[in-house]
Amino acid sequence: MTDNISHLNILQKPGPGDRSRLPRIPQKRRELTGELHKYMHVMGPTPKRCLETLADLGLCDPEIGHYFKIPTHIVTNLRQVWNIDGEA
């Protein structure tokens, strides 16, 4: 017996607790400029937390930029927008 369930319907099938499990689509962050949005995805699903962690570990902006292969000024701008302390 085959079910005629489309791929989209499978994703919308309620999970435990009757909540829908739709894929998360990243939302644009209002505090960031278009240029910063272009590089934000490089740091994974939680870029602010990632940047905070690397700054807490003592990495400077050039080191973080080199690690992610993004310009240093992008790292510096993200830290300023998100008020992330540490050695710049």
C-alpha atoms as a PDB file:
ATOM      1  CA  MET A   1       0.000   0.000   0.000  1.00  0.00           C
ATOM      2  CA  THR A   2       1.415   3.393  -0.923  1.00  0.00           C
ATOM      3  CA  ASP A   3       0.541   6.721   0.629  1.00  0.00           C
ATOM      4  CA  ASN A   4       0.172   9.795  -1.537  1.00  0.00           C
ATOM      5  CA  ILE A   5       1.965  12.116   0.873  1.00  0.00           C
ATOM      6  CA  SER A   6       4.087  14.835  -0.645  1.00  0.00           C
ATOM      7  CA  HIS A   7       7.515  15.767   0.676  1.00  0.00           C
ATOM      8  CA  LEU A   8       6.168  19.033   2.104  1.00  0.00           C
ATOM      9  CA  ASN A   9       3.406  17.222   3.994  1.00  0.00           C
ATOM     10  CA  ILE A  10       5.974  14.961   5.650  1.00  0.00           C
ATOM     11  CA  LEU A  11       7.875  18.012   6.888  1.00  0.00           C
ATOM     12  CA  GLN A  12       4.688  19.526   8.266  1.00  0.00           C
ATOM     13  CA  LYS A  13       3.593  16.354  10.039  1.00  0.00           C
ATOM     14  CA  PRO A  14       3.240  17.170  13.755  1.00  0.00           C
ATOM     15  CA  GLY A  15       5.908  15.774  16.006  1.00  0.00           C
ATOM     16  CA  PRO A  16       5.783  15.112  19.749  1.00  0.00           C
ATOM     17  CA  GLY A  17       3.583  17.648  21.499  1.00  0.00           C
ATOM     18  CA  ASP A  18       1.588  18.296  18.288  1.00  0.00           C
ATOM     19  CA  ARG A  19       4.022  20.965  17.113  1.00  0.00           C
ATOM     20  CA  SER A  20       4.839  21.292  13.454  1.00  0.00           C
ATOM     21  CA  ARG A  21       8.424  20.580  12.420  1.00  0.00           C
ATOM     22  CA  LEU A  22       9.060  23.013   9.614  1.00  0.00           C
ATOM     23  CA  PRO A  23      12.605  23.665   8.472  1.00  0.00           C
ATOM     24  CA  ARG A  24      14.030  26.870   9.933  1.00  0.00           C
ATOM     25  CA  ILE A  25      14.698  29.577   7.408  1.00  0.00           C
ATOM     26  CA  PRO A  26      17.266  32.103   8.642  1.00  0.00           C
ATOM     27  CA  GLN A  27      15.745  35.523   9.162  1.00  0.00           C
ATOM     28  CA  LYS A  28      17.530  38.723   8.247  1.00  0.00           C
ATOM     29  CA  ARG A  29      18.935  40.440  11.290  1.00  0.00           C
ATOM     30  CA  ARG A  30      17.901  44.056  11.357  1.00  0.00           C
ATOM     31  CA  GLU A  31      21.017  45.270  13.151  1.00  0.00           C
ATOM     32  CA  LEU A  32      23.325  44.107  10.342  1.00  0.00           C
ATOM     33  CA  THR A  33      24.112  45.788   7.047  1.00  0.00           C
ATOM     34  CA  GLY A  34      23.903  43.969   3.723  1.00  0.00           C
ATOM     35  CA  GLU A  35      27.676  43.508   3.639  1.00  0.00           C
ATOM     36  CA  LEU A  36      27.694  41.858   7.071  1.00  0.00           C
ATOM     37  CA  HIS A  37      24.835  39.555   6.044  1.00  0.00           C
ATOM     38  CA  LYS A  38      26.961  38.208   3.197  1.00  0.00           C
ATOM     39  CA  TYR A  39      29.574  36.875   5.636  1.00  0.00           C
ATOM     40  CA  MET A  40      27.422  35.911   8.608  1.00  0.00           C
ATOM     41  CA  HIS A  41      26.542  32.420   7.291  1.00  0.00           C
ATOM     42  CA  VAL A  42      30.219  31.429   7.317  1.00  0.00           C
ATOM     43  CA  MET A  43      30.141  31.241  11.123  1.00  0.00           C
ATOM     44  CA  GLY A  44      27.376  28.660  11.234  1.00  0.00           C
ATOM     45  CA  PRO A  45      23.812  28.732  12.543  1.00  0.00           C
ATOM     46  CA  THR A  46      24.667  30.876  15.590  1.00  0.00           C
ATOM     47  CA  PRO A  47      27.220  33.419  14.363  1.00  0.00           C
ATOM     48  CA  LYS A  48      26.958  35.756  17.360  1.00  0.00           C
ATOM     49  CA  ARG A  49      27.574  32.944  19.834  1.00  0.00           C
ATOM     50  CA  CYS A  50      30.425  31.644  17.678  1.00  0.00           C
ATOM     51  CA  LEU A  51      32.080  35.058  17.592  1.00  0.00           C
ATOM     52  CA  GLU A  52      31.591  35.498  21.348  1.00  0.00           C
ATOM     53  CA  THR A  53      33.219  32.132  21.989  1.00  0.00           C
ATOM     54  CA  LEU A  54      36.254  32.834  19.825  1.00  0.00           C
ATOM     55  CA  ALA A  55      36.678  36.275  21.424  1.00  0.00           C
ATOM     56  CA  ASP A  56      36.430  34.695  24.896  1.00  0.00           C
ATOM     57  CA  LEU A  57      39.169  32.273  23.894  1.00  0.00           C
ATOM     58  CA  GLY A  58      41.391  35.287  23.221  1.00  0.00           C
ATOM     59  CA  LEU A  59      41.471  35.292  19.431  1.00  0.00           C
ATOM     60  CA  CYS A  60      41.912  38.712  17.851  1.00  0.00           C
ATOM     61  CA  ASP A  61      39.955  39.943  14.845  1.00  0.00           C
ATOM     62  CA  PRO A  62      42.675  39.106  12.267  1.00  0.00           C
ATOM     63  CA  GLU A  63      42.921  35.543  13.643  1.00  0.00           C
ATOM     64  CA  ILE A  64      39.153  35.065  13.527  1.00  0.00           C
ATOM     65  CA  GLY A  65      39.000  36.528  10.021  1.00  0.00           C
ATOM     66  CA  HIS A  66      41.810  34.241   8.855  1.00  0.00           C
ATOM     67  CA  TYR A  67      40.079  31.194  10.370  1.00  0.00           C
ATOM     68  CA  PHE A  68      36.798  31.904   8.562  1.00  0.00           C
ATOM     69  CA  LYS A  69      38.484  33.376   5.451  1.00  0.00           C
ATOM     70  CA  ILE A  70      36.629  36.685   5.816  1.00  0.00           C
ATOM     71  CA  PRO A  71      38.013  40.249   5.922  1.00  0.00           C
ATOM     72  CA  THR A  72      39.178  41.487   9.323  1.00  0.00           C
ATOM     73  CA  HIS A  73      36.982  44.588   9.121  1.00  0.00           C
ATOM     74  CA  ILE A  74      33.894  42.339   8.893  1.00  0.00           C
ATOM     75  CA  VAL A  75      34.859  40.624  12.155  1.00  0.00           C
ATOM     76  CA  THR A  76      35.501  44.008  13.778  1.00  0.00           C
ATOM     77  CA  ASN A  77      32.154  45.377  12.582  1.00  0.00           C
ATOM     78  CA  LEU A  78      30.255  42.320  13.824  1.00  0.00           C
ATOM     79  CA  ARG A  79      31.896  42.635  17.232  1.00  0.00           C
ATOM     80  CA  GLN A  80      30.958  46.314  17.404  1.00  0.00           C
ATOM     81  CA  VAL A  81      27.335  45.697  16.374  1.00  0.00           C
ATOM     82  CA  TRP A  82      26.908  42.842  18.852  1.00  0.00           C
ATOM     83  CA  ASN A  83      28.944  44.533  21.644  1.00  0.00           C
ATOM     84  CA  ILE A  84      31.376  41.634  21.931  1.00  0.00           C
ATOM     85  CA  ASP A  85      34.313  42.545  24.142  1.00  0.00           C
ATOM     86  CA  GLY A  86      37.791  41.162  23.865  1.00  0.00           C
ATOM     87  CA  GLU A  87      41.024  41.994  22.149  1.00  0.00           C
ATOM     88  CA  ALA A  88      40.263  43.572  18.785  1.00  0.00           C
END
